[in-house]
């Protein structure tokens, strides 16, 4: 308020000690008329000044002045109350200590209302220049405000009406490039398909032994999907469904990823453990270059390109994942049976380590020295499968004894591998028996020195 010269007199009785006299500007105190005393004459200027200041308070508080309503100023002061520590924003909620809990800068579309989980504030602005145009803050302890540019200047903006579901924003209110660490307690989402087969080393059809130089027969594969390198392994201490390997020897551990499921664009390879890895675009391209720690991001991948990945000896490895995009997401752990079905696309093993194990049904074919074992794959193979086996000395049938088998080979070439799941194996025996006879085929009842196995690999 500006000062108006009224009278220069002493402070009236009852004035609080220590107040500035006169109270404002260069003005003075007024006085009543009395014998031989001229009363104060108040002009329009000071009255208008007082009225203007009061109306300005109502305007800032967005309270419409109403004649003969004596709560206008009270309502305005309640709207404008900030608390002792607040210097920005309008305080909508105040805690027991007098400090603001919820502030909101003026904007016509801003709303304070009841939400499904408590108090809900809807913040809007006409032009956010690429920023979020509406933000809802849930629960009574949420705090949000808009600066002069109508941008959200807070570092945590609740998602929906659940304040514990947060996405971290930068100091300007922008969403940063996400790497997974900014996602806190978000509801479960579906992770993009992991292109790595058996990324947690849960499937071991070939019975690879920890630290061994090879697995079944001449196969270069160890755990399903993984080939070449040797390693020791043990269950993860964090999750027993996962296996952690320690790569030994001099050969990297490698996996080829077919291009069928590669849509193109950006892909991120991530893993746990100290092993250094490499990623090559192209299923027939061997990885080269300097091995790197997790993660590895590649851009501009062509549709159907495929990949090869490898990991160097001397480090630990687990939970390997290759997914679209540049964000590292939690490992997608599939149920065991689902991962096993994925592995059946590239390999299928019939394995008998004990006697009296049924291998299937067969019949005598040709000259009586060929017994045909009929079987089927549990899932169509991804390519024409090769075959190898072992432990043939254990094989017996209802019409021949163990020790009679001289070899096992595929009876027919399996051309329709993607749609036809059946196969026939020709079990050659040393003693001729009558053609056309059907029989069960099994392992002998003796203790097996070597397991019997039939291995199909695409």
Foldseek 3Di string as FASTA:
>chain_A
DEADAWDADDDDPPDDPPADAVNDYPYHDWDQDDVVDDGTDDDVVVVVVVVVVQVVLLVLLVFDDDPPDPCSSVSSCVQQQAFPPDDDFTAPAADPNRHGQEGEHDDPPWDWDADPQGIKIWQADDDLPPADGIAIEADPRDYWYADPSRATQDQWGADDRDRQFTAGADRRRHRDDAQAPRGGPHPDDDAFDFQQACQQLQAFQQPAAAQDQPTPDPDQAGRQQKGPWHWGWDADPVDRSGIKTATDDFDWIKGWGWLPPFQWFKKKKAWDKDWFKFKDFASPDDGDDDTHHDIDMDGGRHRRRTMMMTTGHDMMTGLIGMGPDDYDDPRDDDPPVVSVQVSLQFKDKDKAQAFPAFPAKWFADDQQQKIKGKDFRPAQHNAFKDKDKDLQQFKDKPFGGRNFWPDKDWPDGDHPRHPGGMTIIITGGNDGDDGGDMIIMTTHNDRRPDMIMMMIGD
